[in-house]
C-alpha atoms as a PDB file:
ATOM      1  CA  UNK A   1     -10.012-158.196  27.580  1.00  0.00           C
ATOM      2  CA  UNK A   2      -9.994-156.819  24.066  1.00  0.00           C
ATOM      3  CA  UNK A   3     -13.244-155.431  22.688  1.00  0.00           C
ATOM      4  CA  UNK A   4     -14.327-155.035  19.049  1.00  0.00           C
ATOM      5  CA  UNK A   5     -14.162-151.275  19.560  1.00  0.00           C
ATOM      6  CA  UNK A   6     -10.503-151.591  20.630  1.00  0.00           C
ATOM      7  CA  UNK A   7      -9.666-153.386  17.378  1.00  0.00           C
ATOM      8  CA  UNK A   8     -11.429-150.795  15.243  1.00  0.00           C
ATOM      9  CA  UNK A   9      -9.881-147.874  17.148  1.00  0.00           C
ATOM     10  CA  UNK A  10      -6.390-149.400  16.830  1.00  0.00           C
ATOM     11  CA  UNK A  11      -6.847-149.768  13.071  1.00  0.00           C
ATOM     12  CA  UNK A  12      -6.466-153.549  13.060  1.00  0.00           C
ATOM     13  CA  UNK A  13      -9.946-154.175  11.606  1.00  0.00           C
ATOM     14  CA  UNK A  14     -12.504-151.849  10.056  1.00  0.00           C
ATOM     15  CA  UNK A  15     -15.256-153.938  11.630  1.00  0.00           C
ATOM     16  CA  UNK A  16     -14.769-156.478  14.395  1.00  0.00           C
ATOM     17  CA  UNK A  17     -16.755-158.950  16.435  1.00  0.00           C
ATOM     18  CA  UNK A  18     -16.128-161.115  19.506  1.00  0.00           C
ATOM     19  CA  UNK A  19     -14.456-163.847  17.449  1.00  0.00           C
ATOM     20  CA  UNK A  20     -11.982-161.326  16.023  1.00  0.00           C
ATOM     21  CA  UNK A  21     -11.118-160.337  19.595  1.00  0.00           C
ATOM     22  CA  UNK A  22     -10.287-163.939  20.444  1.00  0.00           C
ATOM     23  CA  UNK A  23      -8.138-164.319  17.321  1.00  0.00           C
ATOM     24  CA  UNK A  24      -6.236-161.128  18.131  1.00  0.00           C
ATOM     25  CA  UNK A  25      -5.629-162.242  21.731  1.00  0.00           C
ATOM     26  CA  UNK A  26      -4.369-165.572  20.437  1.00  0.00           C
ATOM     27  CA  UNK A  27      -2.177-163.804  17.879  1.00  0.00           C
ATOM     28  CA  UNK A  28      -0.727-161.553  20.571  1.00  0.00           C
ATOM     29  CA  UNK A  29       0.197-164.671  22.533  1.00  0.00           C
ATOM     30  CA  UNK A  30       1.949-166.051  19.452  1.00  0.00           C
ATOM     31  CA  UNK A  31       3.839-162.772  18.999  1.00  0.00           C
ATOM     32  CA  UNK A  32       4.962-162.832  22.664  1.00  0.00           C
ATOM     33  CA  UNK A  33       6.603-166.203  22.119  1.00  0.00           C
ATOM     34  CA  UNK A  34       8.129-165.625  18.684  1.00  0.00           C
ATOM     35  CA  UNK A  35       9.149-161.948  18.654  1.00  0.00           C
ATOM     36  CA  UNK A  36      11.043-159.529  20.821  1.00  0.00           C
ATOM     37  CA  UNK A  37       8.176-157.013  20.866  1.00  0.00           C
ATOM     38  CA  UNK A  38       7.485-155.774  24.382  1.00  0.00           C
ATOM     39  CA  UNK A  39       3.730-156.287  24.074  1.00  0.00           C
ATOM     40  CA  UNK A  40       3.023-155.703  27.760  1.00  0.00           C
ATOM     41  CA  UNK A  41       4.314-152.138  27.409  1.00  0.00           C
ATOM     42  CA  UNK A  42       2.295-151.370  24.242  1.00  0.00           C
ATOM     43  CA  UNK A  43      -1.355-150.662  23.651  1.00  0.00           C
ATOM     44  CA  UNK A  44      -3.040-152.005  20.520  1.00  0.00           C
ATOM     45  CA  UNK A  45      -2.809-148.534  18.983  1.00  0.00           C
ATOM     46  CA  UNK A  46       0.961-148.400  19.620  1.00  0.00           C
ATOM     47  CA  UNK A  47       1.700-151.683  17.838  1.00  0.00           C
ATOM     48  CA  UNK A  48       3.871-151.330  14.750  1.00  0.00           C
ATOM     49  CA  UNK A  49       2.065-151.604  11.424  1.00  0.00           C
ATOM     50  CA  UNK A  50       3.646-155.014  10.765  1.00  0.00           C
ATOM     51  CA  UNK A  51       2.216-156.383  14.008  1.00  0.00           C
ATOM     52  CA  UNK A  52      -1.246-155.086  13.130  1.00  0.00           C
ATOM     53  CA  UNK A  53      -1.025-156.715   9.703  1.00  0.00           C
ATOM     54  CA  UNK A  54       0.164-159.950  11.306  1.00  0.00           C
ATOM     55  CA  UNK A  55      -2.855-159.955  13.635  1.00  0.00           C
ATOM     56  CA  UNK A  56      -5.170-159.463  10.651  1.00  0.00           C
ATOM     57  CA  UNK A  57      -3.606-162.389   8.780  1.00  0.00           C
ATOM     58  CA  UNK A  58      -3.241-164.640  11.832  1.00  0.00           C
ATOM     59  CA  UNK A  59      -6.906-165.645  11.853  1.00  0.00           C
ATOM     60  CA  UNK A  60      -6.844-166.275   8.095  1.00  0.00           C
ATOM     61  CA  UNK A  61      -3.903-168.642   8.391  1.00  0.00           C
ATOM     62  CA  UNK A  62      -5.338-170.431  11.421  1.00  0.00           C
ATOM     63  CA  UNK A  63      -8.822-170.834   9.920  1.00  0.00           C
ATOM     64  CA  UNK A  64      -7.540-171.932   6.521  1.00  0.00           C
ATOM     65  CA  UNK A  65      -5.695-174.862   8.075  1.00  0.00           C
ATOM     66  CA  UNK A  66      -3.639-175.826   5.023  1.00  0.00           C
ATOM     67  CA  UNK A  67      -6.331-175.290   2.389  1.00  0.00           C
ATOM     68  CA  UNK A  68      -4.770-173.373  -0.496  1.00  0.00           C
ATOM     69  CA  UNK A  69      -7.852-173.052  -2.716  1.00  0.00           C
ATOM     70  CA  UNK A  70     -11.514-173.981  -2.712  1.00  0.00           C
ATOM     71  CA  UNK A  71     -14.129-174.144  -5.436  1.00  0.00           C
ATOM     72  CA  UNK A  72     -17.807-174.005  -4.503  1.00  0.00           C
ATOM     73  CA  UNK A  73     -19.301-175.016  -7.850  1.00  0.00           C
ATOM     74  CA  UNK A  74     -16.775-177.741  -8.581  1.00  0.00           C
ATOM     75  CA  UNK A  75     -16.741-178.889  -4.945  1.00  0.00           C
ATOM     76  CA  UNK A  76     -12.968-179.237  -5.002  1.00  0.00           C
ATOM     77  CA  UNK A  77     -10.202-178.205  -2.649  1.00  0.00           C
ATOM     78  CA  UNK A  78      -6.459-177.884  -3.078  1.00  0.00           C
ATOM     79  CA  UNK A  79      -4.230-178.408  -0.090  1.00  0.00           C
ATOM     80  CA  UNK A  80      -0.808-177.024   0.588  1.00  0.00           C
ATOM     81  CA  UNK A  81       2.022-178.986   2.145  1.00  0.00           C
ATOM     82  CA  UNK A  82       2.928-176.048   4.385  1.00  0.00           C
ATOM     83  CA  UNK A  83       1.962-176.436   7.991  1.00  0.00           C
ATOM     84  CA  UNK A  84       0.368-173.611   9.920  1.00  0.00           C
ATOM     85  CA  UNK A  85       3.412-172.948  12.098  1.00  0.00           C
ATOM     86  CA  UNK A  86       5.650-172.520   9.046  1.00  0.00           C
ATOM     87  CA  UNK A  87       3.178-170.097   7.461  1.00  0.00           C
ATOM     88  CA  UNK A  88       2.996-168.040  10.664  1.00  0.00           C
ATOM     89  CA  UNK A  89       6.777-167.964  11.016  1.00  0.00           C
ATOM     90  CA  UNK A  90       7.174-166.763   7.432  1.00  0.00           C
ATOM     91  CA  UNK A  91       4.467-164.143   7.913  1.00  0.00           C
ATOM     92  CA  UNK A  92       6.096-162.808  11.089  1.00  0.00           C
ATOM     93  CA  UNK A  93       9.541-162.837   9.521  1.00  0.00           C
ATOM     94  CA  UNK A  94       8.285-160.804   6.555  1.00  0.00           C
ATOM     95  CA  UNK A  95       6.131-158.336   8.493  1.00  0.00           C
ATOM     96  CA  UNK A  96       8.278-157.935  11.622  1.00  0.00           C
ATOM     97  CA  UNK A  97      11.898-158.476  10.553  1.00  0.00           C
ATOM     98  CA  UNK A  98      13.372-156.234  13.268  1.00  0.00           C
ATOM     99  CA  UNK A  99      11.475-158.028  16.066  1.00  0.00           C
ATOM    100  CA  UNK A 100      11.322-161.559  14.720  1.00  0.00           C
ATOM    101  CA  UNK A 101      13.264-164.072  16.758  1.00  0.00           C
ATOM    102  CA  UNK A 102      14.539-167.066  14.810  1.00  0.00           C
ATOM    103  CA  UNK A 103      15.353-168.898  18.025  1.00  0.00           C
ATOM    104  CA  UNK A 104      12.516-170.189  20.157  1.00  0.00           C
ATOM    105  CA  UNK A 105      13.393-171.001  23.768  1.00  0.00           C
ATOM    106  CA  UNK A 106      11.511-173.954  25.203  1.00  0.00           C
ATOM    107  CA  UNK A 107      11.592-174.587  28.955  1.00  0.00           C
ATOM    108  CA  UNK A 108      13.188-177.935  29.751  1.00  0.00           C
ATOM    109  CA  UNK A 109      12.022-178.171  33.357  1.00  0.00           C
ATOM    110  CA  UNK A 110       9.418-180.845  32.614  1.00  0.00           C
ATOM    111  CA  UNK A 111      12.001-183.137  31.014  1.00  0.00           C
ATOM    112  CA  UNK A 112      14.311-182.727  33.999  1.00  0.00           C
ATOM    113  CA  UNK A 113      11.475-183.519  36.405  1.00  0.00           C
ATOM    114  CA  UNK A 114      10.599-186.658  34.427  1.00  0.00           C
ATOM    115  CA  UNK A 115      14.253-187.789  34.365  1.00  0.00           C
ATOM    116  CA  UNK A 116      14.586-187.324  38.144  1.00  0.00           C
ATOM    117  CA  UNK A 117      11.419-189.338  38.824  1.00  0.00           C
ATOM    118  CA  UNK A 118      12.801-192.262  36.777  1.00  0.00           C
ATOM    119  CA  UNK A 119      15.912-192.542  38.965  1.00  0.00           C
ATOM    120  CA  UNK A 120      18.258-190.331  36.936  1.00  0.00           C
ATOM    121  CA  UNK A 121      20.780-187.998  38.519  1.00  0.00           C
ATOM    122  CA  UNK A 122      19.519-184.472  39.185  1.00  0.00           C
END
Protein backbone atom coordinates (compact mmCIF):
# COMPACT_ATOMS: atom_id res chain seq x y z
CA UNK A 1 0.00 0.00 0.00
CA UNK A 2 1.40 3.35 -1.04
CA UNK A 3 1.02 6.25 1.38
CA UNK A 4 1.02 10.00 0.64
CA UNK A 5 4.31 10.22 2.53
CA UNK A 6 5.83 7.62 0.18
CA UNK A 7 4.91 9.76 -2.84
CA UNK A 8 6.36 12.91 -1.32
CA UNK A 9 9.55 11.14 -0.19
CA UNK A 10 10.03 9.60 -3.65
CA UNK A 11 9.70 13.02 -5.27
CA UNK A 12 6.65 12.12 -7.35
CA UNK A 13 4.43 14.79 -5.75
CA UNK A 14 5.22 17.73 -3.49
CA UNK A 15 1.93 17.13 -1.69
CA UNK A 16 -0.17 13.99 -1.93
CA UNK A 17 -3.42 12.57 -0.65
CA UNK A 18 -5.14 9.18 -0.68
CA UNK A 19 -6.52 9.71 -4.19
CA UNK A 20 -3.01 10.38 -5.51
CA UNK A 21 -1.93 7.07 -3.99
CA UNK A 22 -4.65 5.24 -5.90
CA UNK A 23 -3.70 6.97 -9.16
CA UNK A 24 -0.04 6.06 -8.68
CA UNK A 25 -0.90 2.42 -7.95
CA UNK A 26 -3.04 2.34 -11.07
CA UNK A 27 -0.26 3.98 -13.08
CA UNK A 28 2.25 1.43 -11.81
CA UNK A 29 -0.07 -1.31 -13.04
CA UNK A 30 -0.18 0.36 -16.45
CA UNK A 31 3.62 0.58 -16.52
CA UNK A 32 3.92 -3.14 -15.64
CA UNK A 33 1.90 -4.05 -18.71
CA UNK A 34 3.37 -1.58 -21.20
CA UNK A 35 7.05 -1.27 -20.24
CA UNK A 36 9.96 -3.52 -19.47
CA UNK A 37 10.66 -1.81 -16.13
CA UNK A 38 11.17 -4.35 -13.36
CA UNK A 39 8.84 -2.54 -10.97
CA UNK A 40 8.76 -5.35 -8.41
CA UNK A 41 12.50 -4.90 -7.85
CA UNK A 42 12.32 -1.09 -7.50
CA UNK A 43 11.11 1.16 -4.74
CA UNK A 44 9.28 4.38 -5.61
CA UNK A 45 12.47 6.32 -4.87
CA UNK A 46 14.47 4.14 -7.31
CA UNK A 47 12.13 4.73 -10.25
CA UNK A 48 13.72 6.56 -13.17
CA UNK A 49 12.76 10.21 -13.54
CA UNK A 50 10.67 9.43 -16.63
CA UNK A 51 8.58 6.93 -14.68
CA UNK A 52 7.98 9.47 -11.91
CA UNK A 53 6.90 12.06 -14.48
CA UNK A 54 4.63 9.49 -16.12
CA UNK A 55 2.95 8.77 -12.78
CA UNK A 56 2.37 12.49 -12.25
CA UNK A 57 0.76 12.87 -15.68
CA UNK A 58 -1.16 9.59 -15.56
CA UNK A 59 -3.89 10.97 -13.30
CA UNK A 60 -4.18 14.12 -15.44
CA UNK A 61 -4.73 12.10 -18.59
CA UNK A 62 -7.18 9.72 -16.93
CA UNK A 63 -9.21 12.47 -15.25
CA UNK A 64 -9.30 14.68 -18.34
CA UNK A 65 -10.97 11.93 -20.35
CA UNK A 66 -10.57 13.52 -23.78
CA UNK A 67 -11.33 17.11 -22.79
CA UNK A 68 -8.72 19.34 -24.41
CA UNK A 69 -9.88 22.70 -23.03
CA UNK A 70 -12.54 24.11 -20.75
CA UNK A 71 -13.85 27.61 -20.18
CA UNK A 72 -15.65 28.42 -16.94
CA UNK A 73 -17.08 31.81 -17.90
CA UNK A 74 -18.10 30.81 -21.41
CA UNK A 75 -19.28 27.38 -20.25
CA UNK A 76 -17.66 25.71 -23.24
CA UNK A 77 -15.50 22.65 -23.69
CA UNK A 78 -13.30 21.45 -26.52
CA UNK A 79 -12.79 17.75 -27.00
CA UNK A 80 -9.90 15.94 -28.56
CA UNK A 81 -10.24 12.95 -30.85
CA UNK A 82 -7.38 11.17 -29.07
CA UNK A 83 -8.42 8.35 -26.82
CA UNK A 84 -6.92 7.91 -23.38
CA UNK A 85 -4.93 4.80 -24.29
CA UNK A 86 -3.24 6.59 -27.20
CA UNK A 87 -2.33 9.54 -24.98
CA UNK A 88 -0.84 7.22 -22.35
CA UNK A 89 1.13 5.27 -24.95
CA UNK A 90 2.57 8.48 -26.38
CA UNK A 91 3.42 9.76 -22.91
CA UNK A 92 5.20 6.53 -21.98
CA UNK A 93 7.02 6.40 -25.29
CA UNK A 94 8.31 9.95 -24.81
CA UNK A 95 9.22 9.68 -21.13
CA UNK A 96 10.47 6.07 -21.04
CA UNK A 97 11.91 5.33 -24.49
CA UNK A 98 14.42 2.74 -23.24
CA UNK A 99 11.75 0.76 -21.35
CA UNK A 100 8.72 1.31 -23.54
CA UNK A 101 7.43 -1.83 -25.20
CA UNK A 102 5.62 -1.27 -28.48
CA UNK A 103 4.27 -4.81 -28.42
CA UNK A 104 1.60 -5.70 -25.91
CA UNK A 105 1.13 -9.41 -25.23
CA UNK A 106 -2.45 -10.43 -24.54
CA UNK A 107 -3.17 -13.88 -23.12
CA UNK A 108 -5.28 -15.94 -25.50
CA UNK A 109 -6.29 -18.65 -23.04
CA UNK A 110 -9.87 -17.39 -22.72
CA UNK A 111 -10.43 -17.57 -26.48
CA UNK A 112 -9.08 -21.11 -26.58
CA UNK A 113 -11.34 -22.14 -23.70
CA UNK A 114 -14.37 -20.65 -25.48
CA UNK A 115 -13.48 -22.41 -28.75
CA UNK A 116 -13.13 -25.78 -26.98
CA UNK A 117 -16.51 -25.39 -25.26
CA UNK A 118 -18.20 -24.78 -28.64
CA UNK A 119 -16.99 -28.11 -30.04
CA UNK A 120 -13.77 -26.92 -31.70
CA UNK A 121 -10.58 -28.95 -31.72
CA UNK A 122 -8.23 -28.28 -28.80
